[in-house]
């Protein structure tokens, strides 16, 4: 019984770590997307201002 409990605890820990990594990855991807969007907006603004 203790072995099963330890195994469940281990699996739960692995799942939590996986979820945390997924959340961190989503956050990084969102930051990259925001940076690209800002850069694109800045280029558009520069083109508009040159006219």
PDB file of N, CA and C in Angstrom:
ATOM      1  N   UNK A   1       0.821  -1.199   0.000  1.00  0.00           N
ATOM      2  CA  UNK A   1       0.000   0.000   0.000  1.00  0.00           C
ATOM      3  C   UNK A   1       0.863   1.261   0.000  1.00  0.00           C
ATOM      4  N   UNK A   2       1.933   1.263   0.777  1.00  0.00           N
ATOM      5  CA  UNK A   2       2.812   2.422   0.816  1.00  0.00           C
ATOM      6  C   UNK A   2       3.475   2.648  -0.537  1.00  0.00           C
ATOM      7  N   UNK A   3       3.788   1.560  -1.228  1.00  0.00           N
ATOM      8  CA  UNK A   3       4.424   1.682  -2.534  1.00  0.00           C
ATOM      9  C   UNK A   3       3.487   2.360  -3.524  1.00  0.00           C
ATOM     10  N   UNK A   4       2.222   1.965  -3.507  1.00  0.00           N
ATOM     11  CA  UNK A   4       1.246   2.575  -4.403  1.00  0.00           C
ATOM     12  C   UNK A   4       1.079   4.051  -4.078  1.00  0.00           C
ATOM     13  N   UNK A   5       1.055   4.386  -2.814  1.00  0.00           N
ATOM     14  CA  UNK A   5       0.923   5.773  -2.397  1.00  0.00           C
ATOM     15  C   UNK A   5       2.127   6.593  -2.859  1.00  0.00           C
ATOM     16  N   UNK A   6       3.313   6.039  -2.694  1.00  0.00           N
ATOM     17  CA  UNK A   6       4.511   6.734  -3.141  1.00  0.00           C
ATOM     18  C   UNK A   6       4.511   6.902  -4.654  1.00  0.00           C
ATOM     19  N   UNK A   7       4.072   5.874  -5.362  1.00  0.00           N
ATOM     20  CA  UNK A   7       4.019   5.939  -6.826  1.00  0.00           C
ATOM     21  C   UNK A   7       3.022   6.999  -7.277  1.00  0.00           C
ATOM     22  N   UNK A   8       1.872   7.053  -6.624  1.00  0.00           N
ATOM     23  CA  UNK A   8       0.880   8.079  -6.954  1.00  0.00           C
ATOM     24  C   UNK A   8       1.419   9.478  -6.675  1.00  0.00           C
ATOM     25  N   UNK A   9       2.128   9.618  -5.571  1.00  0.00           N
ATOM     26  CA  UNK A   9       2.722  10.903  -5.226  1.00  0.00           C
ATOM     27  C   UNK A   9       3.756  11.311  -6.277  1.00  0.00           C
ATOM     28  N   UNK A  10       4.547  10.348  -6.710  1.00  0.00           N
ATOM     29  CA  UNK A  10       5.556  10.604  -7.737  1.00  0.00           C
ATOM     30  C   UNK A  10       4.900  11.022  -9.049  1.00  0.00           C
ATOM     31  N   UNK A  11       3.852  10.305  -9.448  1.00  0.00           N
ATOM     32  CA  UNK A  11       3.145  10.636 -10.688  1.00  0.00           C
ATOM     33  C   UNK A  11       2.493  12.009 -10.611  1.00  0.00           C
ATOM     34  N   UNK A  12       1.930  12.310  -9.439  1.00  0.00           N
ATOM     35  CA  UNK A  12       1.312  13.628  -9.268  1.00  0.00           C
ATOM     36  C   UNK A  12       2.357  14.729  -9.395  1.00  0.00           C
ATOM     37  N   UNK A  13       3.515  14.526  -8.807  1.00  0.00           N
ATOM     38  CA  UNK A  13       4.597  15.499  -8.892  1.00  0.00           C
ATOM     39  C   UNK A  13       5.041  15.698 -10.334  1.00  0.00           C
ATOM     40  N   UNK A  14       5.151  14.582 -11.058  1.00  0.00           N
ATOM     41  CA  UNK A  14       5.545  14.670 -12.470  1.00  0.00           C
ATOM     42  C   UNK A  14       4.501  15.437 -13.277  1.00  0.00           C
ATOM     43  N   UNK A  15       3.229  15.199 -13.000  1.00  0.00           N
ATOM     44  CA  UNK A  15       2.151  15.880 -13.707  1.00  0.00           C
ATOM     45  C   UNK A  15       2.179  17.379 -13.409  1.00  0.00           C
ATOM     46  N   UNK A  16       2.399  17.739 -12.152  1.00  0.00           N
ATOM     47  CA  UNK A  16       2.452  19.152 -11.771  1.00  0.00           C
ATOM     48  C   UNK A  16       3.630  19.841 -12.455  1.00  0.00           C
ATOM     49  N   UNK A  17       4.767  19.171 -12.510  1.00  0.00           N
ATOM     50  CA  UNK A  17       5.940  19.729 -13.174  1.00  0.00           C
ATOM     51  C   UNK A  17       5.653  19.938 -14.659  1.00  0.00           C
ATOM     52  N   UNK A  18       5.005  18.971 -15.264  1.00  0.00           N
ATOM     53  CA  UNK A  18       4.659  19.067 -16.678  1.00  0.00           C
ATOM     54  C   UNK A  18       3.724  20.237 -16.927  1.00  0.00           C
ATOM     55  N   UNK A  19       2.729  20.404 -16.063  1.00  0.00           N
ATOM     56  CA  UNK A  19       1.795  21.515 -16.213  1.00  0.00           C
ATOM     57  C   UNK A  19       2.505  22.846 -16.049  1.00  0.00           C
ATOM     58  N   UNK A  20       3.419  22.929 -15.088  1.00  0.00           N
ATOM     59  CA  UNK A  20       4.164  24.161 -14.883  1.00  0.00           C
ATOM     60  C   UNK A  20       4.994  24.496 -16.113  1.00  0.00           C
ATOM     61  N   UNK A  21       5.643  23.485 -16.687  1.00  0.00           N
ATOM     62  CA  UNK A  21       6.451  23.723 -17.881  1.00  0.00           C
ATOM     63  C   UNK A  21       5.568  24.176 -19.030  1.00  0.00           C
ATOM     64  N   UNK A  22       4.381  23.580 -19.144  1.00  0.00           N
ATOM     65  CA  UNK A  22       3.462  23.970 -20.205  1.00  0.00           C
ATOM     66  C   UNK A  22       3.044  25.420 -20.025  1.00  0.00           C
ATOM     67  N   UNK A  23       2.728  25.807 -18.807  1.00  0.00           N
ATOM     68  CA  UNK A  23       2.328  27.187 -18.533  1.00  0.00           C
ATOM     69  C   UNK A  23       3.471  28.148 -18.832  1.00  0.00           C
ATOM     70  N   UNK A  24       4.687  27.767 -18.447  1.00  0.00           N
ATOM     71  CA  UNK A  24       5.845  28.616 -18.724  1.00  0.00           C
ATOM     72  C   UNK A  24       6.073  28.743 -20.220  1.00  0.00           C
ATOM     73  N   UNK A  25       5.925  27.647 -20.939  1.00  0.00           N
ATOM     74  CA  UNK A  25       6.098  27.669 -22.383  1.00  0.00           C
ATOM     75  C   UNK A  25       5.059  28.574 -23.031  1.00  0.00           C
ATOM     76  N   UNK A  26       3.818  28.477 -22.591  1.00  0.00           N
ATOM     77  CA  UNK A  26       2.766  29.333 -23.139  1.00  0.00           C
ATOM     78  C   UNK A  26       3.062  30.801 -22.863  1.00  0.00           C
ATOM     79  N   UNK A  27       3.594  31.086 -21.687  1.00  0.00           N
ATOM     80  CA  UNK A  27       3.925  32.461 -21.340  1.00  0.00           C
ATOM     81  C   UNK A  27       5.042  32.992 -22.232  1.00  0.00           C
ATOM     82  N   UNK A  28       6.067  32.184 -22.452  1.00  0.00           N
ATOM     83  CA  UNK A  28       7.177  32.602 -23.313  1.00  0.00           C
ATOM     84  C   UNK A  28       6.685  32.821 -24.739  1.00  0.00           C
ATOM     85  N   UNK A  29       5.866  31.908 -25.235  1.00  0.00           N
ATOM     86  CA  UNK A  29       5.333  32.065 -26.582  1.00  0.00           C
ATOM     87  C   UNK A  29       4.479  33.332 -26.698  1.00  0.00           C
ATOM     88  N   UNK A  30       3.716  33.631 -25.685  1.00  0.00           N
ATOM     89  CA  UNK A  30       2.897  34.847 -25.683  1.00  0.00           C
ATOM     90  C   UNK A  30       3.784  36.090 -25.701  1.00  0.00           C
ATOM     91  N   UNK A  31       4.889  36.051 -24.958  1.00  0.00           N
ATOM     92  CA  UNK A  31       5.810  37.188 -24.953  1.00  0.00           C
ATOM     93  C   UNK A  31       6.455  37.379 -26.325  1.00  0.00           C
ATOM     94  N   UNK A  32       6.835  36.280 -26.952  1.00  0.00           N
ATOM     95  CA  UNK A  32       7.427  36.359 -28.282  1.00  0.00           C
ATOM     96  C   UNK A  32       6.414  36.935 -29.271  1.00  0.00           C
ATOM     97  N   UNK A  33       5.190  36.446 -29.204  1.00  0.00           N
ATOM     98  CA  UNK A  33       4.143  36.934 -30.098  1.00  0.00           C
ATOM     99  C   UNK A  33       3.896  38.427 -29.884  1.00  0.00           C
ATOM    100  N   UNK A  34       3.893  38.861 -28.635  1.00  0.00           N
ATOM    101  CA  UNK A  34       3.691  40.283 -28.334  1.00  0.00           C
ATOM    102  C   UNK A  34       4.836  41.123 -28.881  1.00  0.00           C
ATOM    103  N   UNK A  35       6.063  40.635 -28.729  1.00  0.00           N
ATOM    104  CA  UNK A  35       7.216  41.367 -29.257  1.00  0.00           C
ATOM    105  C   UNK A  35       7.153  41.490 -30.771  1.00  0.00           C
ATOM    106  N   UNK A  36       6.789  40.407 -31.447  1.00  0.00           N
ATOM    107  CA  UNK A  36       6.667  40.444 -32.901  1.00  0.00           C
ATOM    108  C   UNK A  36       5.565  41.408 -33.334  1.00  0.00           C
ATOM    109  N   UNK A  37       4.474  41.397 -32.608  1.00  0.00           N
ATOM    110  CA  UNK A  37       3.363  42.286 -32.921  1.00  0.00           C
ATOM    111  C   UNK A  37       3.768  43.751 -32.748  1.00  0.00           C
ATOM    112  N   UNK A  38       4.487  44.041 -31.667  1.00  0.00           N
ATOM    113  CA  UNK A  38       4.954  45.416 -31.440  1.00  0.00           C
ATOM    114  C   UNK A  38       5.900  45.857 -32.545  1.00  0.00           C
ATOM    115  N   UNK A  39       6.806  44.967 -32.941  1.00  0.00           N
ATOM    116  CA  UNK A  39       7.756  45.295 -33.998  1.00  0.00           C
ATOM    117  C   UNK A  39       7.024  45.561 -35.308  1.00  0.00           C
ATOM    118  N   UNK A  40       6.014  44.757 -35.601  1.00  0.00           N
ATOM    119  CA  UNK A  40       5.243  44.942 -36.830  1.00  0.00           C
ATOM    120  C   UNK A  40       4.486  46.264 -36.793  1.00  0.00           C
ATOM    121  N   UNK A  41       3.894  46.576 -35.666  1.00  0.00           N
ATOM    122  CA  UNK A  41       3.176  47.848 -35.518  1.00  0.00           C
ATOM    123  C   UNK A  41       4.122  49.031 -35.673  1.00  0.00           C
ATOM    124  N   UNK A  42       5.317  48.881 -35.130  1.00  0.00           N
ATOM    125  CA  UNK A  42       6.301  49.957 -35.226  1.00  0.00           C
ATOM    126  C   UNK A  42       6.705  50.183 -36.683  1.00  0.00           C
ATOM    127  N   UNK A  43       6.876  49.113 -37.451  1.00  0.00           N
ATOM    128  CA  UNK A  43       7.226  49.251 -38.868  1.00  0.00           C
ATOM    129  C   UNK A  43       6.105  49.940 -39.633  1.00  0.00           C
ATOM    130  N   UNK A  44       4.867  49.563 -39.341  1.00  0.00           N
ATOM    131  CA  UNK A  44       3.729  50.183 -40.007  1.00  0.00           C
ATOM    132  C   UNK A  44       3.681  51.662 -39.668  1.00  0.00           C
ATOM    133  N   UNK A  45       3.890  51.997 -38.412  1.00  0.00           N
ATOM    134  CA  UNK A  45       3.871  53.399 -37.981  1.00  0.00           C
ATOM    135  C   UNK A  45       4.975  54.187 -38.674  1.00  0.00           C
ATOM    136  N   UNK A  46       6.153  53.596 -38.785  1.00  0.00           N
ATOM    137  CA  UNK A  46       7.267  54.273 -39.454  1.00  0.00           C
ATOM    138  C   UNK A  46       6.939  54.530 -40.932  1.00  0.00           C
ATOM    139  N   UNK A  47       6.316  53.549 -41.587  1.00  0.00           N
ATOM    140  CA  UNK A  47       5.955  53.710 -43.004  1.00  0.00           C
ATOM    141  C   UNK A  47       4.909  54.820 -43.165  1.00  0.00           C
ATOM    142  N   UNK A  48       3.954  54.868 -42.238  1.00  0.00           N
ATOM    143  CA  UNK A  48       2.915  55.889 -42.293  1.00  0.00           C
ATOM    144  C   UNK A  48       3.531  57.266 -42.090  1.00  0.00           C
ATOM    145  N   UNK A  49       4.458  57.374 -41.160  1.00  0.00           N
ATOM    146  CA  UNK A  49       5.074  58.667 -40.859  1.00  0.00           C
ATOM    147  C   UNK A  49       5.989  59.149 -41.971  1.00  0.00           C
ATOM    148  N   UNK A  50       6.525  58.250 -42.786  1.00  0.00           N
ATOM    149  CA  UNK A  50       7.404  58.644 -43.884  1.00  0.00           C
ATOM    150  C   UNK A  50       6.627  59.281 -45.043  1.00  0.00           C
ATOM    151  N   UNK A  51       5.342  58.990 -45.131  1.00  0.00           N
ATOM    152  CA  UNK A  51       4.532  59.516 -46.259  1.00  0.00           C
ATOM    153  C   UNK A  51       4.245  60.960 -46.126  1.00  0.00           C
TER     154      UNK A  51
END
